[in-house]
Amino acid sequence: MLKAFDHIAVPMEQVDSMLEFYTALGCQILDQGQIKAVVFGNNKINFHMPELWNGGEFDLRGHSAMPGSGDICFVWEGTQDSLMRTLEDAEAKIELGPVPRTGGMNEGSTEGTSIYTRDPDNNLLEFIIY
């Protein structure tokens, strides 16, 4: 039986900008060689360094995975104002929101409010506030 996600993995291109961005969101960065792990709460995103995904030998990834292919929804624990300040500090531009959305918490669907932006590699990021 599935219990939870352990981590997701996404190719990364703009290494310094990406690490600065996720640090500004409050994430811890772990250096794992050709992978930079972004950790928050009990969650982790493994960002594959360009030399790993672009080297031609590493094939443990989605066949069409490229930087900017991520579409990730984060749960924001705080107010909408605190999220907006954090995104502003991270120099993130809002693409959409705040808008009502149905999230996946609590055994089904729960109403929340979402704000959408993109990280420096152009991955789509949704922040939902319940």
N, C-alpha and C. Protein backbone atom coordinates (compact mmCIF):
# COMPACT_ATOMS: atom_id res chain seq x y z
N MET A 1 0.84 -1.18 0.00
CA MET A 1 0.00 0.00 0.00
C MET A 1 0.89 1.24 0.00
N LEU A 2 0.58 2.20 -0.87
CA LEU A 2 1.31 3.46 -0.89
C LEU A 2 1.00 4.27 0.36
N LYS A 3 2.03 4.89 0.90
CA LYS A 3 1.85 5.70 2.11
C LYS A 3 2.07 7.18 1.84
N ALA A 4 3.14 7.52 1.12
CA ALA A 4 3.49 8.93 0.90
C ALA A 4 4.58 9.00 -0.15
N PHE A 5 4.88 10.19 -0.60
CA PHE A 5 6.05 10.41 -1.44
C PHE A 5 7.29 10.43 -0.55
N ASP A 6 8.39 9.89 -1.03
CA ASP A 6 9.65 10.03 -0.32
C ASP A 6 10.38 11.27 -0.83
N HIS A 7 10.48 11.40 -2.15
CA HIS A 7 11.08 12.58 -2.76
C HIS A 7 10.67 12.62 -4.23
N ILE A 8 10.89 13.75 -4.85
CA ILE A 8 10.77 13.86 -6.29
C ILE A 8 12.13 14.29 -6.82
N ALA A 9 12.37 14.07 -8.11
CA ALA A 9 13.64 14.44 -8.72
C ALA A 9 13.36 15.21 -10.00
N VAL A 10 14.12 16.30 -10.18
CA VAL A 10 13.93 17.20 -11.31
C VAL A 10 15.31 17.64 -11.81
N PRO A 11 15.53 17.64 -13.13
CA PRO A 11 16.80 18.18 -13.64
C PRO A 11 16.89 19.68 -13.37
N MET A 12 18.09 20.16 -13.08
CA MET A 12 18.31 21.57 -12.77
C MET A 12 19.35 22.14 -13.73
N GLU A 13 19.13 23.39 -14.16
CA GLU A 13 20.07 24.04 -15.07
C GLU A 13 20.72 25.27 -14.44
N GLN A 14 19.92 26.15 -13.86
CA GLN A 14 20.40 27.41 -13.27
C GLN A 14 20.78 27.16 -11.81
N VAL A 15 21.88 26.48 -11.58
CA VAL A 15 22.23 25.94 -10.26
C VAL A 15 22.25 27.02 -9.18
N ASP A 16 23.06 28.04 -9.31
CA ASP A 16 23.18 29.05 -8.26
C ASP A 16 21.86 29.76 -8.00
N SER A 17 21.16 30.14 -9.05
CA SER A 17 19.87 30.83 -8.89
C SER A 17 18.83 29.94 -8.23
N MET A 18 18.82 28.67 -8.61
CA MET A 18 17.87 27.73 -8.02
C MET A 18 18.14 27.54 -6.53
N LEU A 19 19.39 27.37 -6.16
CA LEU A 19 19.72 27.16 -4.74
C LEU A 19 19.42 28.41 -3.92
N GLU A 20 19.69 29.58 -4.45
CA GLU A 20 19.34 30.83 -3.77
C GLU A 20 17.83 30.96 -3.60
N PHE A 21 17.09 30.62 -4.65
CA PHE A 21 15.63 30.72 -4.63
C PHE A 21 15.04 29.82 -3.54
N TYR A 22 15.43 28.55 -3.54
CA TYR A 22 14.86 27.62 -2.57
C TYR A 22 15.33 27.93 -1.15
N THR A 23 16.53 28.48 -0.99
CA THR A 23 16.98 28.94 0.32
C THR A 23 16.10 30.09 0.80
N ALA A 24 15.74 31.00 -0.11
CA ALA A 24 14.87 32.13 0.24
C ALA A 24 13.47 31.66 0.65
N LEU A 25 13.06 30.48 0.16
CA LEU A 25 11.76 29.92 0.56
C LEU A 25 11.85 29.24 1.93
N GLY A 26 13.06 29.11 2.47
CA GLY A 26 13.23 28.51 3.78
C GLY A 26 13.69 27.07 3.75
N CYS A 27 14.11 26.59 2.60
CA CYS A 27 14.56 25.20 2.46
C CYS A 27 16.02 25.05 2.89
N GLN A 28 16.34 23.88 3.35
CA GLN A 28 17.72 23.51 3.63
C GLN A 28 18.28 22.85 2.37
N ILE A 29 19.52 23.17 2.02
CA ILE A 29 20.16 22.60 0.84
C ILE A 29 21.21 21.58 1.29
N LEU A 30 21.11 20.37 0.78
CA LEU A 30 22.10 19.33 1.05
C LEU A 30 22.88 19.05 -0.22
N ASP A 31 24.19 19.07 -0.12
CA ASP A 31 25.06 18.79 -1.26
C ASP A 31 25.32 17.29 -1.30
N GLN A 32 24.78 16.63 -2.32
CA GLN A 32 24.96 15.19 -2.49
C GLN A 32 25.70 14.91 -3.80
N GLY A 33 26.72 15.73 -4.06
CA GLY A 33 27.51 15.55 -5.27
C GLY A 33 26.78 16.07 -6.49
N GLN A 34 26.39 15.18 -7.38
CA GLN A 34 25.70 15.59 -8.60
C GLN A 34 24.21 15.82 -8.38
N ILE A 35 23.81 15.75 -7.14
CA ILE A 35 22.43 16.04 -6.75
C ILE A 35 22.47 17.07 -5.63
N LYS A 36 21.64 18.09 -5.75
CA LYS A 36 21.45 19.06 -4.68
C LYS A 36 20.05 18.80 -4.13
N ALA A 37 19.97 18.39 -2.88
CA ALA A 37 18.69 18.08 -2.27
C ALA A 37 18.15 19.31 -1.55
N VAL A 38 16.92 19.63 -1.84
CA VAL A 38 16.21 20.74 -1.21
C VAL A 38 15.25 20.10 -0.22
N VAL A 39 15.42 20.42 1.06
CA VAL A 39 14.66 19.77 2.12
C VAL A 39 13.80 20.79 2.85
N PHE A 40 12.56 20.41 3.10
CA PHE A 40 11.63 21.24 3.88
C PHE A 40 10.67 20.29 4.57
N GLY A 41 10.52 20.45 5.88
CA GLY A 41 9.67 19.52 6.64
C GLY A 41 10.16 18.09 6.44
N ASN A 42 9.25 17.20 6.14
CA ASN A 42 9.58 15.80 5.86
C ASN A 42 9.68 15.53 4.36
N ASN A 43 9.96 16.55 3.58
CA ASN A 43 9.92 16.44 2.13
C ASN A 43 11.27 16.79 1.52
N LYS A 44 11.50 16.25 0.32
CA LYS A 44 12.78 16.49 -0.35
C LYS A 44 12.57 16.51 -1.86
N ILE A 45 13.24 17.46 -2.50
CA ILE A 45 13.34 17.49 -3.95
C ILE A 45 14.81 17.28 -4.28
N ASN A 46 15.11 16.29 -5.10
CA ASN A 46 16.47 16.08 -5.59
C ASN A 46 16.60 16.80 -6.93
N PHE A 47 17.41 17.83 -6.96
CA PHE A 47 17.69 18.52 -8.22
C PHE A 47 18.97 17.94 -8.81
N HIS A 48 18.83 17.35 -9.99
CA HIS A 48 19.98 16.75 -10.67
C HIS A 48 20.79 17.85 -11.34
N MET A 49 22.10 17.87 -11.05
CA MET A 49 23.00 18.86 -11.63
C MET A 49 23.11 18.65 -13.14
N PRO A 50 23.41 19.72 -13.91
CA PRO A 50 23.49 19.61 -15.37
C PRO A 50 24.44 18.51 -15.85
N GLU A 51 25.60 18.35 -15.21
CA GLU A 51 26.53 17.33 -15.67
C GLU A 51 25.98 15.92 -15.50
N LEU A 52 25.01 15.75 -14.59
CA LEU A 52 24.41 14.43 -14.39
C LEU A 52 23.38 14.13 -15.48
N TRP A 53 22.39 15.02 -15.64
CA TRP A 53 21.32 14.73 -16.59
C TRP A 53 21.72 14.98 -18.03
N ASN A 54 22.75 15.79 -18.25
CA ASN A 54 23.17 16.15 -19.60
C ASN A 54 24.36 15.31 -20.08
N GLY A 55 24.86 14.41 -19.24
CA GLY A 55 26.06 13.65 -19.57
C GLY A 55 25.84 12.46 -20.48
N GLY A 56 24.59 12.04 -20.66
CA GLY A 56 24.31 10.94 -21.57
C GLY A 56 24.37 9.56 -20.94
N GLU A 57 24.93 9.43 -19.74
CA GLU A 57 25.04 8.12 -19.10
C GLU A 57 23.95 7.89 -18.06
N PHE A 58 23.43 8.93 -17.48
CA PHE A 58 22.44 8.82 -16.41
C PHE A 58 21.05 8.73 -17.03
N ASP A 59 20.38 7.59 -16.84
CA ASP A 59 19.05 7.44 -17.43
C ASP A 59 17.97 7.11 -16.40
N LEU A 60 18.28 7.27 -15.12
CA LEU A 60 17.27 7.05 -14.09
C LEU A 60 16.46 8.33 -13.88
N ARG A 61 15.72 8.68 -14.92
CA ARG A 61 14.86 9.87 -14.90
C ARG A 61 13.80 9.67 -15.96
N GLY A 62 12.78 10.51 -15.93
CA GLY A 62 11.78 10.46 -16.97
C GLY A 62 12.43 10.70 -18.33
N HIS A 63 12.00 9.97 -19.33
CA HIS A 63 12.63 10.06 -20.65
C HIS A 63 12.66 11.47 -21.23
N SER A 64 11.65 12.26 -20.93
CA SER A 64 11.61 13.62 -21.47
C SER A 64 11.85 14.68 -20.41
N ALA A 65 12.36 14.28 -19.24
CA ALA A 65 12.61 15.24 -18.16
C ALA A 65 13.72 16.21 -18.56
N MET A 66 13.41 17.48 -18.46
CA MET A 66 14.35 18.55 -18.74
C MET A 66 14.11 19.65 -17.69
N PRO A 67 15.07 20.53 -17.48
CA PRO A 67 14.81 21.65 -16.56
C PRO A 67 13.54 22.40 -16.98
N GLY A 68 12.74 22.73 -16.00
CA GLY A 68 11.49 23.42 -16.27
C GLY A 68 10.31 22.48 -16.44
N SER A 69 10.51 21.18 -16.31
CA SER A 69 9.42 20.22 -16.50
C SER A 69 8.65 19.94 -15.21
N GLY A 70 9.11 20.50 -14.08
CA GLY A 70 8.44 20.25 -12.82
C GLY A 70 7.16 21.06 -12.66
N ASP A 71 6.20 20.47 -12.00
CA ASP A 71 4.92 21.10 -11.67
C ASP A 71 4.61 20.64 -10.25
N ILE A 72 4.94 21.49 -9.27
CA ILE A 72 4.96 21.07 -7.87
C ILE A 72 4.02 21.94 -7.05
N CYS A 73 3.24 21.31 -6.19
CA CYS A 73 2.36 22.04 -5.29
C CYS A 73 2.89 21.89 -3.87
N PHE A 74 3.15 23.02 -3.21
CA PHE A 74 3.61 23.05 -1.83
C PHE A 74 2.45 23.50 -0.94
N VAL A 75 2.38 22.94 0.26
CA VAL A 75 1.44 23.45 1.26
C VAL A 75 2.16 24.54 2.03
N TRP A 76 1.58 25.75 2.06
CA TRP A 76 2.17 26.86 2.80
C TRP A 76 1.52 26.91 4.17
N GLU A 77 2.35 26.85 5.20
CA GLU A 77 1.85 26.95 6.57
C GLU A 77 2.11 28.36 7.05
N GLY A 78 1.14 29.18 6.88
CA GLY A 78 1.24 30.59 7.25
C GLY A 78 0.16 31.36 6.53
N THR A 79 0.23 32.65 6.64
CA THR A 79 -0.79 33.50 6.02
C THR A 79 -0.45 33.78 4.56
N GLN A 80 -1.45 34.26 3.86
CA GLN A 80 -1.23 34.68 2.47
C GLN A 80 -0.24 35.83 2.43
N ASP A 81 -0.32 36.74 3.38
CA ASP A 81 0.62 37.86 3.43
C ASP A 81 2.05 37.38 3.62
N SER A 82 2.25 36.39 4.50
CA SER A 82 3.62 35.89 4.72
C SER A 82 4.14 35.18 3.48
N LEU A 83 3.27 34.49 2.76
CA LEU A 83 3.69 33.85 1.50
C LEU A 83 4.08 34.91 0.48
N MET A 84 3.27 35.93 0.35
CA MET A 84 3.56 36.98 -0.63
C MET A 84 4.89 37.67 -0.31
N ARG A 85 5.17 37.93 0.97
CA ARG A 85 6.45 38.53 1.36
C ARG A 85 7.61 37.59 1.04
N THR A 86 7.43 36.31 1.31
CA THR A 86 8.49 35.33 1.03
C THR A 86 8.76 35.24 -0.47
N LEU A 87 7.71 35.20 -1.28
CA LEU A 87 7.89 35.14 -2.73
C LEU A 87 8.53 36.43 -3.25
N GLU A 88 8.16 37.56 -2.68
CA GLU A 88 8.78 38.82 -3.07
C GLU A 88 10.26 38.82 -2.73
N ASP A 89 10.61 38.34 -1.53
CA ASP A 89 12.02 38.26 -1.13
C ASP A 89 12.80 37.32 -2.04
N ALA A 90 12.13 36.29 -2.57
CA ALA A 90 12.77 35.34 -3.48
C ALA A 90 12.76 35.84 -4.93
N GLU A 91 12.21 37.05 -5.14
CA GLU A 91 12.10 37.68 -6.45
C GLU A 91 11.27 36.83 -7.42
N ALA A 92 10.24 36.18 -6.88
CA ALA A 92 9.33 35.36 -7.69
C ALA A 92 8.18 36.22 -8.18
N LYS A 93 7.85 36.08 -9.45
CA LYS A 93 6.72 36.80 -10.04
C LYS A 93 5.48 35.92 -9.96
N ILE A 94 4.38 36.50 -9.54
CA ILE A 94 3.13 35.76 -9.42
C ILE A 94 2.53 35.57 -10.81
N GLU A 95 2.22 34.32 -11.16
CA GLU A 95 1.57 34.03 -12.44
C GLU A 95 0.06 34.02 -12.32
N LEU A 96 -0.42 33.52 -11.18
CA LEU A 96 -1.87 33.44 -10.98
C LEU A 96 -2.13 33.39 -9.48
N GLY A 97 -3.18 34.04 -9.07
CA GLY A 97 -3.60 33.91 -7.70
C GLY A 97 -3.58 35.23 -6.96
N PRO A 98 -4.18 35.15 -5.81
CA PRO A 98 -4.75 33.99 -5.15
C PRO A 98 -6.05 33.53 -5.81
N VAL A 99 -6.20 32.20 -5.91
CA VAL A 99 -7.39 31.59 -6.51
C VAL A 99 -7.80 30.39 -5.65
N PRO A 100 -9.12 30.10 -5.60
CA PRO A 100 -9.56 28.92 -4.85
C PRO A 100 -9.16 27.65 -5.60
N ARG A 101 -8.71 26.63 -4.85
CA ARG A 101 -8.31 25.36 -5.45
C ARG A 101 -8.70 24.22 -4.52
N THR A 102 -8.88 23.07 -5.10
CA THR A 102 -9.12 21.86 -4.34
C THR A 102 -7.80 21.12 -4.23
N GLY A 103 -7.33 20.94 -3.00
CA GLY A 103 -6.07 20.26 -2.76
C GLY A 103 -6.29 18.80 -2.42
N GLY A 104 -5.21 18.14 -2.07
CA GLY A 104 -5.28 16.70 -1.82
C GLY A 104 -5.12 16.31 -0.37
N MET A 105 -5.31 17.21 0.55
CA MET A 105 -5.11 16.90 1.97
C MET A 105 -6.34 16.23 2.57
N ASN A 106 -6.11 15.51 3.63
CA ASN A 106 -7.18 14.95 4.46
C ASN A 106 -8.08 13.96 3.74
N GLU A 107 -7.47 12.90 3.19
CA GLU A 107 -8.24 11.79 2.63
C GLU A 107 -9.20 12.22 1.53
N GLY A 108 -8.76 12.98 0.62
CA GLY A 108 -9.64 13.37 -0.48
C GLY A 108 -9.37 14.77 -0.94
N SER A 109 -10.37 15.60 -0.82
CA SER A 109 -10.20 16.96 -1.32
C SER A 109 -10.56 17.98 -0.26
N THR A 110 -9.77 19.02 -0.21
CA THR A 110 -9.97 20.10 0.74
C THR A 110 -9.80 21.41 -0.01
N GLU A 111 -10.67 22.36 0.31
CA GLU A 111 -10.58 23.67 -0.34
C GLU A 111 -9.44 24.48 0.25
N GLY A 112 -8.74 25.15 -0.63
CA GLY A 112 -7.66 26.03 -0.22
C GLY A 112 -7.57 27.22 -1.17
N THR A 113 -6.57 28.04 -0.95
CA THR A 113 -6.29 29.18 -1.81
C THR A 113 -4.87 29.01 -2.32
N SER A 114 -4.71 29.13 -3.65
CA SER A 114 -3.40 28.90 -4.26
C SER A 114 -2.86 30.14 -4.93
N ILE A 115 -1.53 30.21 -4.92
CA ILE A 115 -0.78 31.24 -5.64
C ILE A 115 0.28 30.51 -6.45
N TYR A 116 0.40 30.87 -7.72
CA TYR A 116 1.31 30.21 -8.65
C TYR A 116 2.46 31.12 -9.04
N THR A 117 3.64 30.54 -9.16
CA THR A 117 4.83 31.24 -9.62
C THR A 117 5.74 30.24 -10.32
N ARG A 118 6.94 30.66 -10.66
CA ARG A 118 7.93 29.76 -11.26
C ARG A 118 9.27 29.98 -10.59
N ASP A 119 10.06 28.92 -10.54
CA ASP A 119 11.42 29.05 -10.00
C ASP A 119 12.36 29.46 -11.13
N PRO A 120 13.65 29.69 -10.84
CA PRO A 120 14.57 30.16 -11.89
C PRO A 120 14.72 29.23 -13.10
N ASP A 121 14.43 27.93 -12.94
CA ASP A 121 14.46 27.01 -14.08
C ASP A 121 13.12 26.93 -14.80
N ASN A 122 12.15 27.69 -14.35
CA ASN A 122 10.83 27.79 -14.97
C ASN A 122 9.90 26.63 -14.60
N ASN A 123 10.21 25.89 -13.53
CA ASN A 123 9.27 24.90 -13.02
C ASN A 123 8.07 25.64 -12.45
N LEU A 124 6.87 25.13 -12.69
CA LEU A 124 5.66 25.74 -12.15
C LEU A 124 5.53 25.35 -10.69
N LEU A 125 5.32 26.34 -9.83
CA LEU A 125 5.16 26.11 -8.40
C LEU A 125 3.81 26.65 -7.96
N GLU A 126 3.07 25.82 -7.28
CA GLU A 126 1.80 26.22 -6.68
C GLU A 126 2.00 26.18 -5.16
N PHE A 127 1.55 27.20 -4.49
CA PHE A 127 1.56 27.25 -3.03
C PHE A 127 0.12 27.30 -2.59
N ILE A 128 -0.33 26.27 -1.88
CA ILE A 128 -1.72 26.23 -1.42
C ILE A 128 -1.76 26.48 0.08
N ILE A 129 -2.71 27.30 0.47
CA ILE A 129 -2.93 27.63 1.87
C ILE A 129 -4.29 27.06 2.25
N TYR A 130 -4.32 26.20 3.24
CA TYR A 130 -5.58 25.62 3.71
C TYR A 130 -6.13 26.43 4.87
